[in-house]
C-alpha atoms as a PDB file:
ATOM      1  CA  MET A   1     272.261 288.070  53.550  1.00  0.00           C
ATOM      2  CA  ASN A   2     272.669 288.720  49.661  1.00  0.00           C
ATOM      3  CA  VAL A   3     270.636 287.316  47.228  1.00  0.00           C
ATOM      4  CA  ARG A   4     272.745 285.824  43.791  1.00  0.00           C
ATOM      5  CA  PRO A   5     269.894 285.062  41.262  1.00  0.00           C
ATOM      6  CA  ALA A   6     269.501 282.133  39.244  1.00  0.00           C
ATOM      7  CA  GLY A   7     271.927 280.881  36.592  1.00  0.00           C
ATOM      8  CA  GLN A   8     274.972 283.281  37.749  1.00  0.00           C
ATOM      9  CA  ASP A   9     278.254 281.710  39.444  1.00  0.00           C
ATOM     10  CA  ALA A  10     279.042 281.263  42.547  1.00  0.00           C
ATOM     11  CA  ALA A  11     281.493 283.513  42.625  1.00  0.00           C
ATOM     12  CA  ALA A  12     279.016 286.165  42.907  1.00  0.00           C
ATOM     13  CA  SER A  13     277.629 284.677  46.103  1.00  0.00           C
ATOM     14  CA  ALA A  14     281.057 284.633  48.064  1.00  0.00           C
ATOM     15  CA  PRO A  15     281.869 287.341  51.091  1.00  0.00           C
ATOM     16  CA  ALA A  16     282.556 291.036  50.151  1.00  0.00           C
ATOM     17  CA  LEU A  17     285.948 291.332  48.992  1.00  0.00           C
ATOM     18  CA  ALA A  18     288.464 293.709  51.267  1.00  0.00           C
ATOM     19  CA  PRO A  19     290.147 296.032  50.365  1.00  0.00           C
ATOM     20  CA  ALA A  20     288.727 297.527  47.384  1.00  0.00           C
ATOM     21  CA  LEU A  21     291.797 298.588  45.999  1.00  0.00           C
ATOM     22  CA  LEU A  22     294.473 296.772  44.158  1.00  0.00           C
ATOM     23  CA  ASP A  23     297.302 297.117  45.455  1.00  0.00           C
ATOM     24  CA  ALA A  24     299.414 299.474  42.853  1.00  0.00           C
ATOM     25  CA  ARG A  25     301.755 296.335  41.546  1.00  0.00           C
ATOM     26  CA  ILE A  26     299.086 294.603  40.612  1.00  0.00           C
ATOM     27  CA  GLU A  27     297.699 297.429  38.609  1.00  0.00           C
ATOM     28  CA  ALA A  28     300.308 297.882  36.706  1.00  0.00           C
ATOM     29  CA  PHE A  29     300.086 293.818  35.905  1.00  0.00           C
ATOM     30  CA  LEU A  30     296.370 294.112  35.142  1.00  0.00           C
ATOM     31  CA  THR A  31     296.948 298.055  32.972  1.00  0.00           C
ATOM     32  CA  HIS A  32     299.415 294.765  30.573  1.00  0.00           C
ATOM     33  CA  LEU A  33     296.818 293.008  30.035  1.00  0.00           C
ATOM     34  CA  ARG A  34     294.732 295.185  28.981  1.00  0.00           C
ATOM     35  CA  VAL A  35     297.471 297.972  26.662  1.00  0.00           C
ATOM     36  CA  GLU A  36     299.368 295.214  26.057  1.00  0.00           C
ATOM     37  CA  ARG A  37     297.648 292.150  25.986  1.00  0.00           C
ATOM     38  CA  ARG A  38     294.579 293.308  25.031  1.00  0.00           C
ATOM     39  CA  LEU A  39     292.581 291.345  27.166  1.00  0.00           C
ATOM     40  CA  ALA A  40     289.091 291.880  26.279  1.00  0.00           C
ATOM     41  CA  GLU A  41     287.273 293.524  29.278  1.00  0.00           C
ATOM     42  CA  ARG A  42     284.911 290.714  30.817  1.00  0.00           C
ATOM     43  CA  THR A  43     288.349 288.810  31.391  1.00  0.00           C
ATOM     44  CA  LEU A  44     289.613 291.704  32.766  1.00  0.00           C
ATOM     45  CA  ALA A  45     287.405 292.500  35.407  1.00  0.00           C
ATOM     46  CA  MET A  46     286.759 288.427  36.470  1.00  0.00           C
ATOM     47  CA  TYR A  47     290.520 288.545  36.813  1.00  0.00           C
ATOM     48  CA  ARG A  48     290.431 292.102  38.840  1.00  0.00           C
ATOM     49  CA  GLU A  49     287.864 289.938  41.522  1.00  0.00           C
ATOM     50  CA  ALA A  50     290.335 286.967  41.555  1.00  0.00           C
ATOM     51  CA  LEU A  51     293.411 289.355  42.390  1.00  0.00           C
ATOM     52  CA  LEU A  52     291.503 291.283  44.372  1.00  0.00           C
ATOM     53  CA  ARG A  53     289.991 287.944  46.752  1.00  0.00           C
ATOM     54  CA  LEU A  54     294.444 287.257  46.175  1.00  0.00           C
ATOM     55  CA  GLN A  55     294.888 290.645  47.854  1.00  0.00           C
ATOM     56  CA  ALA A  56     292.139 289.735  50.611  1.00  0.00           C
ATOM     57  CA  SER A  57     293.817 286.350  50.850  1.00  0.00           C
ATOM     58  CA  ALA A  58     297.045 287.721  51.733  1.00  0.00           C
ATOM     59  CA  ALA A  59     296.120 290.225  54.201  1.00  0.00           C
ATOM     60  CA  GLY A  60     293.832 287.947  55.860  1.00  0.00           C
ATOM     61  CA  ALA A  61     297.427 285.734  56.970  1.00  0.00           C
ATOM     62  CA  ALA A  62     299.625 288.368  57.189  1.00  0.00           C
ATOM     63  CA  VAL A  63     301.800 287.445  53.903  1.00  0.00           C
ATOM     64  CA  ASP A  64     303.489 289.961  51.477  1.00  0.00           C
ATOM     65  CA  LEU A  65     302.353 288.621  47.931  1.00  0.00           C
ATOM     66  CA  GLU A  66     305.785 288.496  46.710  1.00  0.00           C
ATOM     67  CA  LYS A  67     307.116 286.192  49.270  1.00  0.00           C
ATOM     68  CA  ALA A  68     303.929 283.825  49.014  1.00  0.00           C
ATOM     69  CA  GLN A  69     304.260 280.091  49.008  1.00  0.00           C
ATOM     70  CA  VAL A  70     303.068 276.691  47.466  1.00  0.00           C
ATOM     71  CA  HIS A  71     301.554 276.516  50.865  1.00  0.00           C
ATOM     72  CA  HIS A  72     299.540 279.862  50.589  1.00  0.00           C
ATOM     73  CA  ILE A  73     298.147 279.238  47.319  1.00  0.00           C
ATOM     74  CA  ARG A  74     297.095 276.148  48.140  1.00  0.00           C
ATOM     75  CA  SER A  75     294.958 277.317  51.451  1.00  0.00           C
ATOM     76  CA  TRP A  76     293.701 280.417  49.799  1.00  0.00           C
ATOM     77  CA  VAL A  77     292.419 277.939  46.888  1.00  0.00           C
ATOM     78  CA  GLY A  78     290.482 275.787  49.491  1.00  0.00           C
ATOM     79  CA  GLN A  79     288.968 279.092  51.304  1.00  0.00           C
ATOM     80  CA  LEU A  80     287.390 279.747  47.420  1.00  0.00           C
ATOM     81  CA  ARG A  81     286.341 275.986  47.717  1.00  0.00           C
ATOM     82  CA  LEU A  82     284.675 276.443  51.428  1.00  0.00           C
ATOM     83  CA  ARG A  83     283.319 279.813  49.828  1.00  0.00           C
ATOM     84  CA  GLY A  84     281.002 277.947  47.331  1.00  0.00           C
ATOM     85  CA  LEU A  85     282.907 278.642  43.778  1.00  0.00           C
ATOM     86  CA  ALA A  86     282.613 276.482  41.156  1.00  0.00           C
ATOM     87  CA  ALA A  87     285.440 275.123  40.277  1.00  0.00           C
ATOM     88  CA  ARG A  88     285.346 277.022  36.681  1.00  0.00           C
ATOM     89  CA  SER A  89     285.531 280.117  38.627  1.00  0.00           C
ATOM     90  CA  ILE A  90     288.383 278.779  40.994  1.00  0.00           C
ATOM     91  CA  ALA A  91     290.450 278.022  37.238  1.00  0.00           C
ATOM     92  CA  ILE A  92     289.982 281.490  36.895  1.00  0.00           C
ATOM     93  CA  HIS A  93     291.112 282.547  39.881  1.00  0.00           C
ATOM     94  CA  LEU A  94     294.578 280.502  39.464  1.00  0.00           C
ATOM     95  CA  ALA A  95     294.757 281.594  36.124  1.00  0.00           C
ATOM     96  CA  ALA A  96     294.728 285.346  37.576  1.00  0.00           C
ATOM     97  CA  TRP A  97     297.063 284.797  39.840  1.00  0.00           C
ATOM     98  CA  ARG A  98     299.126 282.064  38.315  1.00  0.00           C
ATOM     99  CA  GLY A  99     300.013 285.810  35.486  1.00  0.00           C
ATOM    100  CA  LEU A 100     300.734 288.462  37.879  1.00  0.00           C
ATOM    101  CA  TYR A 101     303.159 285.748  39.059  1.00  0.00           C
ATOM    102  CA  ARG A 102     305.202 284.875  35.649  1.00  0.00           C
ATOM    103  CA  TRP A 103     304.814 289.106  35.036  1.00  0.00           C
ATOM    104  CA  TRP A 104     306.726 289.728  38.241  1.00  0.00           C
ATOM    105  CA  GLY A 105     308.982 286.260  37.733  1.00  0.00           C
ATOM    106  CA  ARG A 106     309.515 287.858  34.437  1.00  0.00           C
ATOM    107  CA  GLN A 107     310.709 291.510  36.380  1.00  0.00           C
ATOM    108  CA  ARG A 108     312.636 290.096  38.978  1.00  0.00           C
ATOM    109  CA  VAL A 109     309.985 290.724  41.571  1.00  0.00           C
ATOM    110  CA  VAL A 110     310.315 286.793  42.632  1.00  0.00           C
ATOM    111  CA  LEU A 111     312.391 284.167  41.650  1.00  0.00           C
ATOM    112  CA  VAL A 112     310.188 281.186  41.992  1.00  0.00           C
ATOM    113  CA  ASN A 113     305.911 281.890  40.678  1.00  0.00           C
ATOM    114  CA  PRO A 114     304.092 279.358  43.905  1.00  0.00           C
ATOM    115  CA  VAL A 115     301.189 279.181  41.854  1.00  0.00           C
ATOM    116  CA  GLU A 116     302.499 277.200  38.557  1.00  0.00           C
ATOM    117  CA  GLY A 117     302.112 273.232  40.167  1.00  0.00           C
ATOM    118  CA  VAL A 118     299.012 274.159  41.808  1.00  0.00           C
ATOM    119  CA  ARG A 119     295.687 272.485  39.785  1.00  0.00           C
ATOM    120  CA  PRO A 120     292.002 273.705  40.060  1.00  0.00           C
ATOM    121  CA  PRO A 121     289.673 270.591  41.212  1.00  0.00           C
ATOM    122  CA  LYS A 122     288.117 268.925  38.481  1.00  0.00           C
ATOM    123  CA  ALA A 123     284.714 270.172  36.961  1.00  0.00           C
ATOM    124  CA  ALA A 124     282.200 268.016  36.278  1.00  0.00           C
ATOM    125  CA  ARG A 125     281.641 267.429  32.503  1.00  0.00           C
ATOM    126  CA  PRO A 126     278.246 268.059  30.913  1.00  0.00           C
ATOM    127  CA  LEU A 127     276.320 265.613  28.756  1.00  0.00           C
ATOM    128  CA  PRO A 128     275.883 267.889  25.507  1.00  0.00           C
ATOM    129  CA  LYS A 129     272.521 268.511  25.003  1.00  0.00           C
ATOM    130  CA  ALA A 130     271.117 266.362  22.229  1.00  0.00           C
ATOM    131  CA  LEU A 131     267.276 265.747  20.641  1.00  0.00           C
ATOM    132  CA  SER A 132     265.490 262.279  20.463  1.00  0.00           C
ATOM    133  CA  VAL A 133     265.788 261.253  16.922  1.00  0.00           C
ATOM    134  CA  GLU A 134     262.052 261.765  16.719  1.00  0.00           C
ATOM    135  CA  GLN A 135     263.079 265.451  17.467  1.00  0.00           C
ATOM    136  CA  ALA A 136     265.271 265.701  15.481  1.00  0.00           C
ATOM    137  CA  VAL A 137     263.774 264.658  12.452  1.00  0.00           C
ATOM    138  CA  ALA A 138     260.471 266.122  12.899  1.00  0.00           C
ATOM    139  CA  LEU A 139     262.881 269.286  12.797  1.00  0.00           C
ATOM    140  CA  ALA A 140     264.605 268.387   9.956  1.00  0.00           C
ATOM    141  CA  GLU A 141     261.236 267.664   8.010  1.00  0.00           C
ATOM    142  CA  HIS A 142     259.730 270.843   9.019  1.00  0.00           C
ATOM    143  CA  ARG A 143     259.227 273.800   6.643  1.00  0.00           C
ATOM    144  CA  THR A 144     258.539 277.307   8.025  1.00  0.00           C
ATOM    145  CA  GLU A 145     255.244 278.503   7.966  1.00  0.00           C
ATOM    146  CA  HIS A 146     254.178 282.285   7.175  1.00  0.00           C
ATOM    147  CA  THR A 147     257.175 283.314   5.162  1.00  0.00           C
ATOM    148  CA  ALA A 148     258.642 283.602   1.527  1.00  0.00           C
ATOM    149  CA  PRO A 149     259.534 280.092  -0.655  1.00  0.00           C
ATOM    150  CA  ALA A 150     263.115 281.436  -0.610  1.00  0.00           C
ATOM    151  CA  LEU A 151     263.502 281.884   2.619  1.00  0.00           C
ATOM    152  CA  ALA A 152     261.634 278.596   3.785  1.00  0.00           C
ATOM    153  CA  ALA A 153     263.381 276.760   1.191  1.00  0.00           C
ATOM    154  CA  ARG A 154     267.081 278.102   2.632  1.00  0.00           C
ATOM    155  CA  ASP A 155     266.084 277.337   6.092  1.00  0.00           C
ATOM    156  CA  HIS A 156     264.898 273.745   5.612  1.00  0.00           C
ATOM    157  CA  ALA A 157     267.922 273.386   3.952  1.00  0.00           C
ATOM    158  CA  ILE A 158     270.289 274.488   6.947  1.00  0.00           C
ATOM    159  CA  THR A 159     268.613 272.468   9.336  1.00  0.00           C
ATOM    160  CA  GLU A 160     268.635 269.171   6.777  1.00  0.00           C
ATOM    161  CA  LEU A 161     272.751 270.056   6.778  1.00  0.00           C
ATOM    162  CA  LEU A 162     273.123 271.054  10.677  1.00  0.00           C
ATOM    163  CA  TYR A 163     271.848 266.981  11.113  1.00  0.00           C
ATOM    164  CA  GLY A 164     272.219 265.266   7.818  1.00  0.00           C
ATOM    165  CA  CYS A 165     276.004 266.090   8.104  1.00  0.00           C
ATOM    166  CA  GLY A 166     276.185 266.956  12.115  1.00  0.00           C
ATOM    167  CA  LEU A 167     278.257 270.595  10.692  1.00  0.00           C
ATOM    168  CA  ARG A 168     279.497 273.724  13.625  1.00  0.00           C
ATOM    169  CA  VAL A 169     277.501 276.891  12.577  1.00  0.00           C
ATOM    170  CA  ALA A 170     280.518 278.229  11.277  1.00  0.00           C
ATOM    171  CA  GLU A 171     281.081 275.484   9.083  1.00  0.00           C
ATOM    172  CA  VAL A 172     277.783 275.842   7.788  1.00  0.00           C
ATOM    173  CA  THR A 173     277.714 280.120   7.274  1.00  0.00           C
ATOM    174  CA  GLY A 174     281.480 279.689   5.447  1.00  0.00           C
ATOM    175  CA  LEU A 175     280.426 277.523   2.966  1.00  0.00           C
ATOM    176  CA  ASP A 176     280.499 278.694  -0.107  1.00  0.00           C
ATOM    177  CA  LEU A 177     278.318 277.174  -3.658  1.00  0.00           C
ATOM    178  CA  GLN A 178     281.442 276.123  -5.162  1.00  0.00           C
ATOM    179  CA  ALA A 179     285.255 275.511  -5.611  1.00  0.00           C
ATOM    180  CA  GLY A 180     287.428 277.321  -7.685  1.00  0.00           C
ATOM    181  CA  PRO A 181     288.600 280.861  -9.767  1.00  0.00           C
ATOM    182  CA  GLY A 182     286.359 283.659  -8.109  1.00  0.00           C
ATOM    183  CA  THR A 183     284.555 282.576  -5.299  1.00  0.00           C
ATOM    184  CA  SER A 184     286.819 282.345  -1.073  1.00  0.00           C
ATOM    185  CA  ALA A 185     286.349 278.498  -1.431  1.00  0.00           C
ATOM    186  CA  ALA A 186     290.893 278.656  -0.537  1.00  0.00           C
ATOM    187  CA  ASP A 187     289.713 279.818   3.103  1.00  0.00           C
ATOM    188  CA  ARG A 188     286.401 278.233   3.544  1.00  0.00           C
ATOM    189  CA  GLY A 189     284.430 275.117   2.756  1.00  0.00           C
ATOM    190  CA  TRP A 190     281.996 274.259  -0.341  1.00  0.00           C
ATOM    191  CA  LEU A 191     278.658 272.171  -1.674  1.00  0.00           C
ATOM    192  CA  ASP A 192     279.798 269.549  -4.583  1.00  0.00           C
ATOM    193  CA  LEU A 193     275.911 268.272  -5.120  1.00  0.00           C
ATOM    194  CA  ALA A 194     277.136 266.251  -7.889  1.00  0.00           C
ATOM    195  CA  ASP A 195     279.142 263.996  -5.687  1.00  0.00           C
ATOM    196  CA  ALA A 196     276.647 264.871  -2.291  1.00  0.00           C
ATOM    197  CA  THR A 197     279.830 266.004  -0.137  1.00  0.00           C
ATOM    198  CA  VAL A 198     280.177 268.682   1.962  1.00  0.00           C
ATOM    199  CA  HIS A 199     283.725 270.223   2.222  1.00  0.00           C
ATOM    200  CA  VAL A 200     284.455 272.156   5.516  1.00  0.00           C
ATOM    201  CA  LEU A 201     286.681 274.561   6.882  1.00  0.00           C
ATOM    202  CA  GLY A 202     286.756 273.331  10.218  1.00  0.00           C
ATOM    203  CA  LYS A 203     288.209 274.710  14.254  1.00  0.00           C
ATOM    204  CA  GLY A 204     292.321 274.763  13.355  1.00  0.00           C
ATOM    205  CA  GLY A 205     291.813 274.792   9.355  1.00  0.00           C
ATOM    206  CA  LYS A 206     291.350 271.415  10.114  1.00  0.00           C
ATOM    207  CA  ARG A 207     289.560 270.400   6.570  1.00  0.00           C
ATOM    208  CA  ARG A 208     287.021 267.479   6.379  1.00  0.00           C
ATOM    209  CA  SER A 209     284.616 265.628   3.709  1.00  0.00           C
ATOM    210  CA  LEU A 210     281.631 264.893   4.403  1.00  0.00           C
ATOM    211  CA  PRO A 211     278.442 262.548   2.470  1.00  0.00           C
ATOM    212  CA  VAL A 212     275.511 264.368   2.176  1.00  0.00           C
ATOM    213  CA  GLY A 213     272.072 262.400   2.538  1.00  0.00           C
ATOM    214  CA  GLY A 214     269.303 262.293   0.325  1.00  0.00           C
ATOM    215  CA  PRO A 215     266.767 264.389   2.264  1.00  0.00           C
ATOM    216  CA  ALA A 216     270.108 267.199   2.451  1.00  0.00           C
ATOM    217  CA  VAL A 217     270.372 266.478  -1.363  1.00  0.00           C
ATOM    218  CA  ALA A 218     267.013 266.585  -2.266  1.00  0.00           C
ATOM    219  CA  ALA A 219     266.779 270.009   0.378  1.00  0.00           C
ATOM    220  CA  LEU A 220     270.038 272.132  -0.840  1.00  0.00           C
ATOM    221  CA  GLN A 221     268.053 271.880  -4.740  1.00  0.00           C
ATOM    222  CA  ALA A 222     265.687 273.039  -3.895  1.00  0.00           C
ATOM    223  CA  TRP A 223     266.858 275.602  -2.048  1.00  0.00           C
ATOM    224  CA  LEU A 224     269.541 276.853  -4.922  1.00  0.00           C
ATOM    225  CA  GLN A 225     266.850 276.538  -7.049  1.00  0.00           C
ATOM    226  CA  LEU A 226     265.705 280.285  -5.305  1.00  0.00           C
ATOM    227  CA  ARG A 227     269.134 281.031  -4.184  1.00  0.00           C
ATOM    228  CA  PRO A 228     269.032 283.604  -7.413  1.00  0.00           C
ATOM    229  CA  THR A 229     265.951 285.393  -5.955  1.00  0.00           C
ATOM    230  CA  LEU A 230     267.905 286.346  -2.957  1.00  0.00           C
ATOM    231  CA  ALA A 231     271.479 286.183  -3.395  1.00  0.00           C
ATOM    232  CA  LYS A 232     273.431 289.580  -5.076  1.00  0.00           C
ATOM    233  CA  THR A 233     275.177 288.465  -8.398  1.00  0.00           C
ATOM    234  CA  ASP A 234     278.558 288.783  -7.275  1.00  0.00           C
ATOM    235  CA  GLU A 235     277.945 286.649  -3.723  1.00  0.00           C
ATOM    236  CA  ALA A 236     280.010 283.459  -3.299  1.00  0.00           C
ATOM    237  CA  ALA A 237     278.006 282.162  -0.133  1.00  0.00           C
ATOM    238  CA  LEU A 238     276.181 279.039  -0.387  1.00  0.00           C
ATOM    239  CA  PHE A 239     273.138 280.407   2.219  1.00  0.00           C
ATOM    240  CA  VAL A 240     272.781 284.206   2.062  1.00  0.00           C
ATOM    241  CA  SER A 241     270.420 286.856   4.117  1.00  0.00           C
ATOM    242  CA  ARG A 242     266.876 288.405   2.600  1.00  0.00           C
ATOM    243  CA  LEU A 243     269.197 291.010   2.257  1.00  0.00           C
ATOM    244  CA  GLY A 244     271.274 288.625  -0.463  1.00  0.00           C
ATOM    245  CA  THR A 245     274.956 288.722   1.366  1.00  0.00           C
ATOM    246  CA  ARG A 246     276.227 285.647   3.526  1.00  0.00           C
ATOM    247  CA  LEU A 247     273.831 284.893   6.648  1.00  0.00           C
ATOM    248  CA  THR A 248     275.665 284.994  10.288  1.00  0.00           C
ATOM    249  CA  ALA A 249     276.227 283.097  12.553  1.00  0.00           C
ATOM    250  CA  ASN A 250     273.207 285.025  14.974  1.00  0.00           C
ATOM    251  CA  GLN A 251     270.751 284.454  12.032  1.00  0.00           C
ATOM    252  CA  LEU A 252     270.781 281.269  11.385  1.00  0.00           C
ATOM    253  CA  ARG A 253     270.785 280.728  15.565  1.00  0.00           C
ATOM    254  CA  ASN A 254     267.680 282.792  15.169  1.00  0.00           C
ATOM    255  CA  ARG A 255     265.813 280.595  12.599  1.00  0.00           C
ATOM    256  CA  LEU A 256     266.756 277.476  13.583  1.00  0.00           C
ATOM    257  CA  GLN A 257     265.050 278.215  16.885  1.00  0.00           C
ATOM    258  CA  ALA A 258     262.689 279.773  15.501  1.00  0.00           C
ATOM    259  CA  GLN A 259     261.959 277.069  12.917  1.00  0.00           C
ATOM    260  CA  ALA A 260     261.861 274.514  16.624  1.00  0.00           C
ATOM    261  CA  VAL A 261     259.019 276.791  18.195  1.00  0.00           C
ATOM    262  CA  GLN A 262     256.843 276.300  15.017  1.00  0.00           C
ATOM    263  CA  ALA A 263     257.680 271.491  14.960  1.00  0.00           C
ATOM    264  CA  GLY A 264     256.722 272.073  18.144  1.00  0.00           C
ATOM    265  CA  VAL A 265     260.270 270.739  19.609  1.00  0.00           C
ATOM    266  CA  PRO A 266     259.862 271.062  23.933  1.00  0.00           C
ATOM    267  CA  THR A 267     262.899 272.583  24.420  1.00  0.00           C
ATOM    268  CA  ARG A 268     265.355 275.183  23.027  1.00  0.00           C
ATOM    269  CA  VAL A 269     267.602 274.198  20.416  1.00  0.00           C
ATOM    270  CA  HIS A 270     270.922 275.255  19.006  1.00  0.00           C
ATOM    271  CA  PRO A 271     272.954 274.486  16.144  1.00  0.00           C
ATOM    272  CA  HIS A 272     275.452 272.165  17.776  1.00  0.00           C
ATOM    273  CA  MET A 273     272.555 270.650  19.483  1.00  0.00           C
ATOM    274  CA  LEU A 274     271.722 269.202  16.166  1.00  0.00           C
ATOM    275  CA  ARG A 275     275.798 268.505  15.926  1.00  0.00           C
ATOM    276  CA  HIS A 276     274.992 266.879  19.412  1.00  0.00           C
ATOM    277  CA  SER A 277     271.850 264.670  17.978  1.00  0.00           C
ATOM    278  CA  TYR A 278     273.436 263.698  14.536  1.00  0.00           C
ATOM    279  CA  ALA A 279     276.306 261.871  16.386  1.00  0.00           C
ATOM    280  CA  SER A 280     274.365 260.429  19.346  1.00  0.00           C
ATOM    281  CA  HIS A 281     272.012 259.068  16.761  1.00  0.00           C
ATOM    282  CA  LEU A 282     275.335 257.539  14.984  1.00  0.00           C
ATOM    283  CA  LEU A 283     277.139 256.394  17.613  1.00  0.00           C
ATOM    284  CA  GLN A 284     273.350 254.878  18.248  1.00  0.00           C
ATOM    285  CA  SER A 285     273.266 252.946  14.505  1.00  0.00           C
ATOM    286  CA  SER A 286     276.519 251.550  14.030  1.00  0.00           C
ATOM    287  CA  GLY A 287     278.855 251.954  16.996  1.00  0.00           C
ATOM    288  CA  ASP A 288     281.734 252.514  15.320  1.00  0.00           C
ATOM    289  CA  LEU A 289     283.281 255.260  17.759  1.00  0.00           C
ATOM    290  CA  ARG A 290     286.090 256.064  15.306  1.00  0.00           C
ATOM    291  CA  ALA A 291     284.118 256.271  12.463  1.00  0.00           C
ATOM    292  CA  VAL A 292     282.124 259.231  14.526  1.00  0.00           C
ATOM    293  CA  GLN A 293     285.141 261.345  15.275  1.00  0.00           C
ATOM    294  CA  GLU A 294     286.471 261.222  11.967  1.00  0.00           C
ATOM    295  CA  LEU A 295     282.808 262.838  10.635  1.00  0.00           C
ATOM    296  CA  LEU A 296     282.783 265.294  13.702  1.00  0.00           C
ATOM    297  CA  GLY A 297     285.876 266.200  12.708  1.00  0.00           C
ATOM    298  CA  HIS A 298     287.515 265.511  16.881  1.00  0.00           C
ATOM    299  CA  ALA A 299     291.342 265.832  17.488  1.00  0.00           C
ATOM    300  CA  SER A 300     291.140 263.056  19.941  1.00  0.00           C
ATOM    301  CA  ILE A 301     289.021 260.249  20.450  1.00  0.00           C
ATOM    302  CA  SER A 302     288.535 261.159  24.343  1.00  0.00           C
ATOM    303  CA  THR A 303     286.289 264.625  22.963  1.00  0.00           C
ATOM    304  CA  THR A 304     284.279 262.037  20.848  1.00  0.00           C
ATOM    305  CA  GLN A 305     283.512 259.506  23.795  1.00  0.00           C
ATOM    306  CA  VAL A 306     281.345 261.609  25.427  1.00  0.00           C
ATOM    307  CA  TYR A 307     278.594 260.719  23.039  1.00  0.00           C
ATOM    308  CA  THR A 308     278.783 256.828  24.272  1.00  0.00           C
ATOM    309  CA  LYS A 309     277.336 258.232  27.935  1.00  0.00           C
ATOM    310  CA  LEU A 310     274.946 260.050  25.330  1.00  0.00           C
ATOM    311  CA  ASP A 311     274.355 256.209  24.015  1.00  0.00           C
ATOM    312  CA  PHE A 312     274.105 254.374  27.543  1.00  0.00           C
ATOM    313  CA  GLN A 313     271.104 256.826  28.804  1.00  0.00           C
ATOM    314  CA  HIS A 314     269.277 255.949  25.743  1.00  0.00           C
ATOM    315  CA  LEU A 315     269.665 251.927  25.829  1.00  0.00           C
ATOM    316  CA  ALA A 316     268.955 252.881  29.846  1.00  0.00           C
ATOM    317  CA  LYS A 317     265.715 254.629  29.282  1.00  0.00           C
ATOM    318  CA  ALA A 318     264.805 251.583  26.441  1.00  0.00           C
ATOM    319  CA  TYR A 319     265.450 248.956  29.268  1.00  0.00           C
ATOM    320  CA  ASP A 320     263.328 251.600  31.312  1.00  0.00           C
ATOM    321  CA  ALA A 321     260.440 251.735  29.390  1.00  0.00           C
ATOM    322  CA  ALA A 322     261.075 248.012  28.277  1.00  0.00           C
ATOM    323  CA  HIS A 323     262.318 245.567  30.780  1.00  0.00           C
ATOM    324  CA  PRO A 324     259.244 243.772  33.537  1.00  0.00           C
ATOM    325  CA  ARG A 325     262.603 243.728  35.698  1.00  0.00           C
ATOM    326  CA  ALA A 326     263.383 247.596  35.847  1.00  0.00           C
ATOM    327  CA  ARG A 327     261.226 249.153  37.895  1.00  0.00           C
ATOM    328  CA  ARG A 328     260.548 247.990  41.175  1.00  0.00           C
ATOM    329  CA  LYS A 329     256.916 247.962  42.101  1.00  0.00           C
ATOM    330  CA  SER A 330     255.320 249.888  44.168  1.00  0.00           C
END
C-alpha cells in the first residue's frame, strides 16, 4: 500500500501511471512549453503527470487521443474524482489537456478541442486566517527583544503598518521614503507622514492611498529617526535591512514570525494574515463592505465578501460565549 506523506495533495496517492513513457506527440508539446513558453519546471512536472494520466485513460478506453470526444474527457475527469484527486489537481489536469489539444488544433492535428467545454469541480474556498483583535494588537504593540534599537524600531513600524493599513508584503517592501526626483517612486509607493497617508502600488499597477493611524505614525517616526544608522546614503527604500539595502519580502516574513513568537501569538503568522485581520476587524466595527473593498484595493466586491463570513464567525463565537440558550445543556 502506498502511504501519502501528510500535507500532500490527493493526486500523489493516485494509482501508478501506465504507460510510463509519453507518446512522442505529447513530448513535443512539453518541449514547446519548456522551450517556447518557458514554463517553470514545477509546472512542467505537473503537466507531464497530467498528460501521462490522459494517455493512460485513453489507452484504457482504447481511444486514439486525436479522436477523443467531450464524453471521453468527462469520463476521464470522473475517474480522477474517484481516485480522490482534489478539485485543484483536476483543474491542473484539465489545463494541461486543454493546452495539448489547442496546440494540436493550431497544427491541424485535430479540428475540435474536446476539453474546451469541460470545467473542473468547484473547490471549497478556504476562509482567510485572521488573528483576534487581542492577538493583533499584542503583536502590533510588541517591541522586538535582543536586537539593535534600529532593527527593533523598523520591525515595530512594519508590523504597525501591516495591521494598521492592511498592506500586502510587496506593497510594504516597495515603499520609498518619498515621491519626487531622485527616488524610484514612479514605480513604487511612498510615505507622506505630514499627511498621515501611505501611497502604494498594488496588484495590476493600481495605486491607492490609505490613512495611517496614530500608533503607526508614531512607530514610523521612531524608525525614521534611526533609519540613517542603517540605510546606505543613496537608498530610497523606506525599510532597509541591516546591510542598508531595501528589505526583501522573505526578510520581512522571517522578522514578523520572530516577533509573533516573542509576542506569544499561538499560531504561525505571515504578513497576509495581518491584512486579513485588518479587513476582518474593520468590517466587524464598521459593517461597510464597500469601504473595506476600497481600502484593500480589491477590483471585485466578491473578493472582499469572504470577510463577511469571518465577521459571522466572530458573531457566532460571541453568541456561543454569551447567550444562555446558545448551547444545549448536557
